[in-house]
PDB file of N, CA and C in Angstrom:
ATOM      1  N   MET A   1     139.934  58.244 129.963  1.00  0.00           N
ATOM      2  CA  MET A   1     140.135  57.123 131.071  1.00  0.00           C
ATOM      3  C   MET A   1     140.835  58.076 132.358  1.00  0.00           C
ATOM      4  N   PRO A   2     140.147  57.667 133.067  1.00  0.00           N
ATOM      5  CA  PRO A   2     140.605  58.630 134.619  1.00  0.00           C
ATOM      6  C   PRO A   2     142.227  58.854 134.891  1.00  0.00           C
ATOM      7  N   ARG A   3     142.652  59.999 135.099  1.00  0.00           N
ATOM      8  CA  ARG A   3     144.017  60.083 135.309  1.00  0.00           C
ATOM      9  C   ARG A   3     144.075  60.251 136.859  1.00  0.00           C
ATOM     10  N   PHE A   4     145.347  59.986 137.319  1.00  0.00           N
ATOM     11  CA  PHE A   4     145.480  59.732 138.960  1.00  0.00           C
ATOM     12  C   PHE A   4     146.811  60.326 138.730  1.00  0.00           C
ATOM     13  N   PHE A   5     147.200  61.237 139.941  1.00  0.00           N
ATOM     14  CA  PHE A   5     148.263  61.754 140.798  1.00  0.00           C
ATOM     15  C   PHE A   5     148.441  60.647 142.202  1.00  0.00           C
ATOM     16  N   ILE A   6     149.811  60.382 142.069  1.00  0.00           N
ATOM     17  CA  ILE A   6     149.922  59.653 143.136  1.00  0.00           C
ATOM     18  C   ILE A   6     151.565  60.265 144.016  1.00  0.00           C
ATOM     19  N   GLU A   7     151.605  60.049 145.381  1.00  0.00           N
ATOM     20  CA  GLU A   7     152.464  60.511 145.742  1.00  0.00           C
ATOM     21  C   GLU A   7     152.874  59.717 147.011  1.00  0.00           C
ATOM     22  N   VAL A   8     153.863  59.206 147.202  1.00  0.00           N
ATOM     23  CA  VAL A   8     154.687  58.247 147.991  1.00  0.00           C
ATOM     24  C   VAL A   8     155.776  59.012 148.786  1.00  0.00           C
ATOM     25  N   ALA A   9     155.514  59.370 150.188  1.00  0.00           N
ATOM     26  CA  ALA A   9     156.848  60.160 150.736  1.00  0.00           C
ATOM     27  C   ALA A   9     157.579  58.812 151.391  1.00  0.00           C
ATOM     28  N   HIS A  10     158.666  59.358 151.891  1.00  0.00           N
ATOM     29  CA  HIS A  10     159.870  58.598 152.813  1.00  0.00           C
ATOM     30  C   HIS A  10     160.387  59.055 153.514  1.00  0.00           C
ATOM     31  N   GLU A  11     161.005  58.533 154.445  1.00  0.00           N
ATOM     32  CA  GLU A  11     162.022  59.373 155.259  1.00  0.00           C
ATOM     33  C   GLU A  11     163.094  60.202 154.825  1.00  0.00           C
ATOM     34  N   ALA A  12     163.567  61.256 155.176  1.00  0.00           N
ATOM     35  CA  ALA A  12     164.639  62.087 154.983  1.00  0.00           C
ATOM     36  C   ALA A  12     165.979  61.811 155.125  1.00  0.00           C
ATOM     37  N   GLU A  13     166.227  60.685 155.109  1.00  0.00           N
ATOM     38  CA  GLU A  13     167.714  60.069 155.078  1.00  0.00           C
ATOM     39  C   GLU A  13     167.871  59.468 153.949  1.00  0.00           C
ATOM     40  N   GLN A  14     169.852  59.680 153.563  1.00  0.00           N
ATOM     41  CA  GLN A  14     169.905  59.145 152.598  1.00  0.00           C
ATOM     42  C   GLN A  14     169.552  57.735 152.146  1.00  0.00           C
ATOM     43  N   LEU A  15     169.871  56.831 153.112  1.00  0.00           N
ATOM     44  CA  LEU A  15     169.719  55.411 152.952  1.00  0.00           C
ATOM     45  C   LEU A  15     168.141  55.185 152.490  1.00  0.00           C
ATOM     46  N   ALA A  16     167.117  56.213 153.228  1.00  0.00           N
ATOM     47  CA  ALA A  16     165.702  55.956 153.047  1.00  0.00           C
ATOM     48  C   ALA A  16     165.362  56.040 151.707  1.00  0.00           C
ATOM     49  N   CYS A  17     165.950  57.457 151.210  1.00  0.00           N
ATOM     50  CA  CYS A  17     166.021  57.972 149.627  1.00  0.00           C
ATOM     51  C   CYS A  17     166.208  56.791 148.541  1.00  0.00           C
ATOM     52  N   ALA A  18     167.314  56.080 149.061  1.00  0.00           N
ATOM     53  CA  ALA A  18     168.302  54.956 148.346  1.00  0.00           C
ATOM     54  C   ALA A  18     167.035  53.664 148.063  1.00  0.00           C
ATOM     55  N   ASN A  19     166.763  53.553 149.849  1.00  0.00           N
ATOM     56  CA  ASN A  19     165.569  52.255 149.386  1.00  0.00           C
ATOM     57  C   ASN A  19     164.491  52.266 148.935  1.00  0.00           C
ATOM     58  N   ALA A  20     164.172  53.571 149.172  1.00  0.00           N
ATOM     59  CA  ALA A  20     162.479  54.089 148.335  1.00  0.00           C
ATOM     60  C   ALA A  20     162.853  53.879 146.838  1.00  0.00           C
ATOM     61  N   ILE A  21     163.751  54.255 146.356  1.00  0.00           N
ATOM     62  CA  ILE A  21     163.726  54.378 144.876  1.00  0.00           C
ATOM     63  C   ILE A  21     164.058  53.309 144.369  1.00  0.00           C
ATOM     64  N   ASN A  22     165.347  52.170 145.234  1.00  0.00           N
ATOM     65  CA  ASN A  22     165.171  51.004 144.797  1.00  0.00           C
ATOM     66  C   ASN A  22     164.571  49.943 144.898  1.00  0.00           C
ATOM     67  N   ILE A  23     163.278  50.018 145.933  1.00  0.00           N
ATOM     68  CA  ILE A  23     161.923  49.213 145.883  1.00  0.00           C
ATOM     69  C   ILE A  23     161.007  49.392 144.726  1.00  0.00           C
ATOM     70  N   LEU A  24     161.085  51.243 144.156  1.00  0.00           N
ATOM     71  CA  LEU A  24     160.447  51.320 143.271  1.00  0.00           C
ATOM     72  C   LEU A  24     160.684  50.783 141.999  1.00  0.00           C
ATOM     73  N   PHE A  25     161.716  51.260 141.660  1.00  0.00           N
ATOM     74  CA  PHE A  25     162.738  50.739 140.586  1.00  0.00           C
ATOM     75  C   PHE A  25     162.469  49.135 140.434  1.00  0.00           C
ATOM     76  N   LYS A  26     162.662  48.411 141.308  1.00  0.00           N
ATOM     77  CA  LYS A  26     162.620  46.985 141.162  1.00  0.00           C
ATOM     78  C   LYS A  26     161.207  46.440 141.259  1.00  0.00           C
ATOM     79  N   THR A  27     160.300  47.012 141.226  1.00  0.00           N
ATOM     80  CA  THR A  27     159.140  46.420 140.835  1.00  0.00           C
ATOM     81  C   THR A  27     158.572  46.390 139.220  1.00  0.00           C
ATOM     82  N   GLY A  28     159.766  46.770 138.628  1.00  0.00           N
ATOM     83  CA  GLY A  28     159.875  46.478 137.169  1.00  0.00           C
ATOM     84  C   GLY A  28     158.272  47.365 136.023  1.00  0.00           C
ATOM     85  N   SER A  29     157.692  47.923 137.344  1.00  0.00           N
ATOM     86  CA  SER A  29     156.491  48.795 136.643  1.00  0.00           C
ATOM     87  C   SER A  29     157.104  49.783 135.465  1.00  0.00           C
ATOM     88  N   HIS A  30     156.626  49.919 134.820  1.00  0.00           N
ATOM     89  CA  HIS A  30     157.018  51.025 133.845  1.00  0.00           C
ATOM     90  C   HIS A  30     156.738  52.402 134.287  1.00  0.00           C
ATOM     91  N   PHE A  31     154.864  52.352 135.350  1.00  0.00           N
ATOM     92  CA  PHE A  31     154.848  53.792 136.021  1.00  0.00           C
ATOM     93  C   PHE A  31     156.015  53.955 136.954  1.00  0.00           C
ATOM     94  N   LEU A  32     156.293  53.146 137.796  1.00  0.00           N
ATOM     95  CA  LEU A  32     157.354  53.685 138.929  1.00  0.00           C
ATOM     96  C   LEU A  32     158.987  53.446 138.402  1.00  0.00           C
ATOM     97  N   THR A  33     159.209  53.129 137.489  1.00  0.00           N
ATOM     98  CA  THR A  33     160.501  53.452 136.746  1.00  0.00           C
ATOM     99  C   THR A  33     160.871  55.120 136.452  1.00  0.00           C
ATOM    100  N   HIS A  34     159.350  55.432 136.282  1.00  0.00           N
ATOM    101  CA  HIS A  34     159.494  56.992 135.710  1.00  0.00           C
ATOM    102  C   HIS A  34     159.140  57.647 136.656  1.00  0.00           C
ATOM    103  N   ALA A  35     159.102  57.818 137.784  1.00  0.00           N
ATOM    104  CA  ALA A  35     158.919  58.230 138.670  1.00  0.00           C
ATOM    105  C   ALA A  35     159.470  59.451 138.629  1.00  0.00           C
ATOM    106  N   ASP A  36     159.117  60.599 139.456  1.00  0.00           N
ATOM    107  CA  ASP A  36     160.118  62.284 139.986  1.00  0.00           C
ATOM    108  C   ASP A  36     160.092  62.141 141.165  1.00  0.00           C
ATOM    109  N   PHE A  37     161.141  62.381 141.719  1.00  0.00           N
ATOM    110  CA  PHE A  37     161.666  62.335 143.119  1.00  0.00           C
ATOM    111  C   PHE A  37     162.133  64.058 143.287  1.00  0.00           C
ATOM    112  N   GLY A  38     161.588  64.360 144.589  1.00  0.00           N
ATOM    113  CA  GLY A  38     161.976  65.717 145.017  1.00  0.00           C
ATOM    114  C   GLY A  38     163.050  65.454 146.079  1.00  0.00           C
ATOM    115  N   CYS A  39     164.020  64.249 146.513  1.00  0.00           N
ATOM    116  CA  CYS A  39     164.570  64.164 147.326  1.00  0.00           C
ATOM    117  C   CYS A  39     165.968  65.418 147.598  1.00  0.00           C
ATOM    118  N   LEU A  40     166.473  65.719 146.078  1.00  0.00           N
ATOM    119  CA  LEU A  40     167.842  66.561 146.206  1.00  0.00           C
ATOM    120  C   LEU A  40     167.134  67.917 146.364  1.00  0.00           C
ATOM    121  N   ASP A  41     165.498  68.213 146.456  1.00  0.00           N
ATOM    122  CA  ASP A  41     165.147  69.499 146.763  1.00  0.00           C
ATOM    123  C   ASP A  41     164.596  69.148 148.153  1.00  0.00           C
ATOM    124  N   GLY A  42     165.431  68.184 149.064  1.00  0.00           N
ATOM    125  CA  GLY A  42     164.664  68.197 150.482  1.00  0.00           C
ATOM    126  C   GLY A  42     163.286  67.773 150.837  1.00  0.00           C
ATOM    127  N   ASP A  43     162.389  67.461 149.416  1.00  0.00           N
ATOM    128  CA  ASP A  43     160.999  67.041 149.265  1.00  0.00           C
ATOM    129  C   ASP A  43     160.901  65.489 149.175  1.00  0.00           C
ATOM    130  N   HIS A  44     160.957  64.453 150.134  1.00  0.00           N
ATOM    131  CA  HIS A  44     161.091  63.473 150.307  1.00  0.00           C
ATOM    132  C   HIS A  44     159.997  62.715 149.790  1.00  0.00           C
ATOM    133  N   LYS A  45     159.850  62.592 148.560  1.00  0.00           N
ATOM    134  CA  LYS A  45     158.349  62.205 147.799  1.00  0.00           C
ATOM    135  C   LYS A  45     158.530  61.419 146.796  1.00  0.00           C
ATOM    136  N   ALA A  46     158.377  60.561 146.210  1.00  0.00           N
ATOM    137  CA  ALA A  46     157.894  60.348 144.420  1.00  0.00           C
ATOM    138  C   ALA A  46     156.724  60.661 144.188  1.00  0.00           C
ATOM    139  N   TRP A  47     156.578  61.048 142.835  1.00  0.00           N
ATOM    140  CA  TRP A  47     155.116  61.328 142.500  1.00  0.00           C
ATOM    141  C   TRP A  47     154.977  60.966 141.114  1.00  0.00           C
ATOM    142  N   ILE A  48     153.986  60.194 140.521  1.00  0.00           N
ATOM    143  CA  ILE A  48     153.732  59.610 139.816  1.00  0.00           C
ATOM    144  C   ILE A  48     152.294  59.748 138.927  1.00  0.00           C
ATOM    145  N   THR A  49     151.674  59.975 137.670  1.00  0.00           N
ATOM    146  CA  THR A  49     150.561  60.176 137.021  1.00  0.00           C
ATOM    147  C   THR A  49     150.529  59.146 136.074  1.00  0.00           C
ATOM    148  N   VAL A  50     149.144  58.566 136.311  1.00  0.00           N
ATOM    149  CA  VAL A  50     148.913  57.247 135.778  1.00  0.00           C
ATOM    150  C   VAL A  50     147.495  57.646 135.224  1.00  0.00           C
ATOM    151  N   ASP A  51     147.267  57.086 134.066  1.00  0.00           N
ATOM    152  CA  ASP A  51     145.823  56.789 133.326  1.00  0.00           C
ATOM    153  C   ASP A  51     145.435  55.187 133.505  1.00  0.00           C
ATOM    154  N   VAL A  52     144.565  54.975 134.905  1.00  0.00           N
ATOM    155  CA  VAL A  52     143.781  54.134 135.109  1.00  0.00           C
ATOM    156  C   VAL A  52     142.395  53.871 135.088  1.00  0.00           C
ATOM    157  N   ALA A  53     141.701  53.098 135.460  1.00  0.00           N
ATOM    158  CA  ALA A  53     140.437  52.819 135.695  1.00  0.00           C
ATOM    159  C   ALA A  53     139.482  53.505 136.922  1.00  0.00           C
ATOM    160  N   ASN A  54     140.555  53.688 137.993  1.00  0.00           N
ATOM    161  CA  ASN A  54     139.961  54.140 139.161  1.00  0.00           C
ATOM    162  C   ASN A  54     141.090  53.929 140.318  1.00  0.00           C
ATOM    163  N   LYS A  55     140.576  54.840 141.256  1.00  0.00           N
ATOM    164  CA  LYS A  55     141.962  54.576 142.518  1.00  0.00           C
ATOM    165  C   LYS A  55     142.170  53.710 142.806  1.00  0.00           C
ATOM    166  N   GLU A  56     141.222  52.232 143.079  1.00  0.00           N
ATOM    167  CA  GLU A  56     142.253  50.878 143.282  1.00  0.00           C
ATOM    168  C   GLU A  56     143.169  50.876 142.773  1.00  0.00           C
ATOM    169  N   ALA A  57     142.856  50.693 141.404  1.00  0.00           N
ATOM    170  CA  ALA A  57     143.844  50.719 140.107  1.00  0.00           C
ATOM    171  C   ALA A  57     145.128  51.290 140.378  1.00  0.00           C
ATOM    172  N   ALA A  58     145.002  52.372 140.547  1.00  0.00           N
ATOM    173  CA  ALA A  58     146.172  53.657 140.757  1.00  0.00           C
ATOM    174  C   ALA A  58     146.992  52.997 142.097  1.00  0.00           C
ATOM    175  N   ARG A  59     146.228  52.542 143.616  1.00  0.00           N
ATOM    176  CA  ARG A  59     146.861  52.123 144.270  1.00  0.00           C
ATOM    177  C   ARG A  59     147.630  50.807 144.183  1.00  0.00           C
ATOM    178  N   ALA A  60     147.196  49.843 143.360  1.00  0.00           N
ATOM    179  CA  ALA A  60     147.759  48.378 142.936  1.00  0.00           C
ATOM    180  C   ALA A  60     148.853  48.656 141.873  1.00  0.00           C
ATOM    181  N   ILE A  61     149.351  50.012 142.036  1.00  0.00           N
ATOM    182  CA  ILE A  61     150.587  49.618 140.929  1.00  0.00           C
ATOM    183  C   ILE A  61     151.543  49.614 141.807  1.00  0.00           C
ATOM    184  N   LEU A  62     151.701  50.763 143.129  1.00  0.00           N
ATOM    185  CA  LEU A  62     152.231  50.886 144.203  1.00  0.00           C
ATOM    186  C   LEU A  62     152.857  49.198 144.757  1.00  0.00           C
ATOM    187  N   PRO A  63     154.060  49.264 145.291  1.00  0.00           N
ATOM    188  CA  PRO A  63     154.702  48.051 146.146  1.00  0.00           C
ATOM    189  C   PRO A  63     153.579  48.026 147.514  1.00  0.00           C
ATOM    190  N   PRO A  64     153.272  46.601 147.901  1.00  0.00           N
ATOM    191  CA  PRO A  64     152.260  46.857 149.221  1.00  0.00           C
ATOM    192  C   PRO A  64     152.603  47.860 150.188  1.00  0.00           C
ATOM    193  N   ASP A  65     154.312  47.741 150.390  1.00  0.00           N
ATOM    194  CA  ASP A  65     154.460  48.257 151.663  1.00  0.00           C
ATOM    195  C   ASP A  65     154.152  49.985 151.574  1.00  0.00           C
ATOM    196  N   TYR A  66     154.038  50.256 150.270  1.00  0.00           N
ATOM    197  CA  TYR A  66     153.562  51.955 150.243  1.00  0.00           C
ATOM    198  C   TYR A  66     152.220  52.283 150.064  1.00  0.00           C
ATOM    199  N   ARG A  67     151.344  51.159 149.713  1.00  0.00           N
ATOM    200  CA  ARG A  67     149.760  51.701 149.121  1.00  0.00           C
ATOM    201  C   ARG A  67     149.159  52.019 150.312  1.00  0.00           C
ATOM    202  N   SER A  68     149.582  51.916 151.830  1.00  0.00           N
ATOM    203  CA  SER A  68     148.629  52.339 152.295  1.00  0.00           C
ATOM    204  C   SER A  68     149.197  53.992 152.773  1.00  0.00           C
ATOM    205  N   LYS A  69     150.068  54.249 152.374  1.00  0.00           N
ATOM    206  CA  LYS A  69     150.719  55.711 152.953  1.00  0.00           C
ATOM    207  C   LYS A  69     150.460  56.796 151.776  1.00  0.00           C
ATOM    208  N   ALA A  70     150.302  56.167 150.637  1.00  0.00           N
ATOM    209  CA  ALA A  70     150.364  56.806 149.534  1.00  0.00           C
ATOM    210  C   ALA A  70     148.991  57.581 149.332  1.00  0.00           C
ATOM    211  N   LYS A  71     149.322  59.043 148.767  1.00  0.00           N
ATOM    212  CA  LYS A  71     148.562  59.883 148.595  1.00  0.00           C
ATOM    213  C   LYS A  71     147.836  60.233 147.122  1.00  0.00           C
ATOM    214  N   ILE A  72     146.416  59.228 146.664  1.00  0.00           N
ATOM    215  CA  ILE A  72     146.180  59.456 145.291  1.00  0.00           C
ATOM    216  C   ILE A  72     144.872  60.330 144.619  1.00  0.00           C
ATOM    217  N   VAL A  73     145.253  61.114 143.664  1.00  0.00           N
ATOM    218  CA  VAL A  73     144.275  62.014 143.726  1.00  0.00           C
ATOM    219  C   VAL A  73     144.014  61.929 142.379  1.00  0.00           C
ATOM    220  N   GLN A  74     142.694  61.969 142.194  1.00  0.00           N
ATOM    221  CA  GLN A  74     142.205  61.962 141.001  1.00  0.00           C
ATOM    222  C   GLN A  74     141.990  63.274 140.146  1.00  0.00           C
ATOM    223  N   LEU A  75     142.711  63.335 138.793  1.00  0.00           N
ATOM    224  CA  LEU A  75     142.519  64.641 138.533  1.00  0.00           C
ATOM    225  C   LEU A  75     141.813  65.076 137.252  1.00  0.00           C
ATOM    226  N   ASN A  76     141.787  66.256 137.207  1.00  0.00           N
ATOM    227  CA  ASN A  76     140.763  66.748 136.469  1.00  0.00           C
ATOM    228  C   ASN A  76     140.830  68.197 135.543  1.00  0.00           C
ATOM    229  N   LYS A  77     140.172  68.524 134.649  1.00  0.00           N
ATOM    230  CA  LYS A  77     140.761  69.453 133.702  1.00  0.00           C
ATOM    231  C   LYS A  77     139.146  70.094 133.789  1.00  0.00           C
ATOM    232  N   PHE A  78     139.046  71.525 133.691  1.00  0.00           N
ATOM    233  CA  PHE A  78     137.952  72.470 133.658  1.00  0.00           C
ATOM    234  C   PHE A  78     138.021  73.484 132.205  1.00  0.00           C
ATOM    235  N   THR A  79     136.863  73.564 131.506  1.00  0.00           N
ATOM    236  CA  THR A  79     136.734  74.114 130.598  1.00  0.00           C
ATOM    237  C   THR A  79     136.446  75.771 130.700  1.00  0.00           C
ATOM    238  N   LEU A  80     136.346  76.745 130.148  1.00  0.00           N
ATOM    239  CA  LEU A  80     136.032  78.051 130.691  1.00  0.00           C
ATOM    240  C   LEU A  80     134.380  78.160 130.714  1.00  0.00           C
ATOM    241  N   GLU A  81     133.828  76.942 129.945  1.00  0.00           N
ATOM    242  CA  GLU A  81     132.448  77.178 129.805  1.00  0.00           C
ATOM    243  C   GLU A  81     131.791  76.873 131.213  1.00  0.00           C
ATOM    244  N   GLU A  82     132.762  75.595 131.912  1.00  0.00           N
ATOM    245  CA  GLU A  82     132.321  74.755 132.840  1.00  0.00           C
ATOM    246  C   GLU A  82     132.762  75.895 134.122  1.00  0.00           C
ATOM    247  N   ILE A  83     133.352  76.638 134.066  1.00  0.00           N
ATOM    248  CA  ILE A  83     134.108  77.434 134.961  1.00  0.00           C
ATOM    249  C   ILE A  83     132.916  78.979 135.391  1.00  0.00           C
ATOM    250  N   GLU A  84     132.696  79.162 134.263  1.00  0.00           N
ATOM    251  CA  GLU A  84     131.453  80.631 133.636  1.00  0.00           C
ATOM    252  C   GLU A  84     130.359  79.787 134.575  1.00  0.00           C
ATOM    253  N   GLU A  85     130.181  78.591 134.175  1.00  0.00           N
ATOM    254  CA  GLU A  85     128.854  78.077 134.714  1.00  0.00           C
ATOM    255  C   GLU A  85     128.929  77.931 136.468  1.00  0.00           C
ATOM    256  N   ILE A  86     130.047  77.390 136.916  1.00  0.00           N
ATOM    257  CA  ILE A  86     130.005  77.313 138.263  1.00  0.00           C
ATOM    258  C   ILE A  86     129.690  78.806 138.725  1.00  0.00           C
ATOM    259  N   ILE A  87     130.638  79.853 138.008  1.00  0.00           N
ATOM    260  CA  ILE A  87     130.570  81.236 138.811  1.00  0.00           C
ATOM    261  C   ILE A  87     128.995  81.835 138.763  1.00  0.00           C
ATOM    262  N   LYS A  88     128.186  81.371 137.477  1.00  0.00           N
ATOM    263  CA  LYS A  88     126.566  82.000 137.796  1.00  0.00           C
ATOM    264  C   LYS A  88     126.003  81.351 138.402  1.00  0.00           C
ATOM    265  N   SER A  89     126.135  80.494 138.785  1.00  0.00           N
ATOM    266  CA  SER A  89     125.160  79.240 140.057  1.00  0.00           C
ATOM    267  C   SER A  89     125.497  80.309 141.482  1.00  0.00           C
ATOM    268  N   HIS A  90     126.483  80.458 141.430  1.00  0.00           N
ATOM    269  CA  HIS A  90     126.793  81.112 142.548  1.00  0.00           C
ATOM    270  C   HIS A  90     126.713  82.591 142.919  1.00  0.00           C
TER     271      HIS A  90
END
């Protein structure tokens, strides 16, 4: 199953952090209650990695207010053989 990295930013104020965390926790979603936050280091974002069918399914995990603002990236890994083939072809 494809793996996706979801990044959700919020305003850099303490109340905005608390509201964002509260909204994500109150969804009840296992994914969102296990999000990692960068607020204490000055990076006001939440990060989640999920295994879902596609990018739309990843976006659907988020509360509606965050869906359009979220950055969602499909992740992949490379084998050494794949990298060698890419290098050879160039």
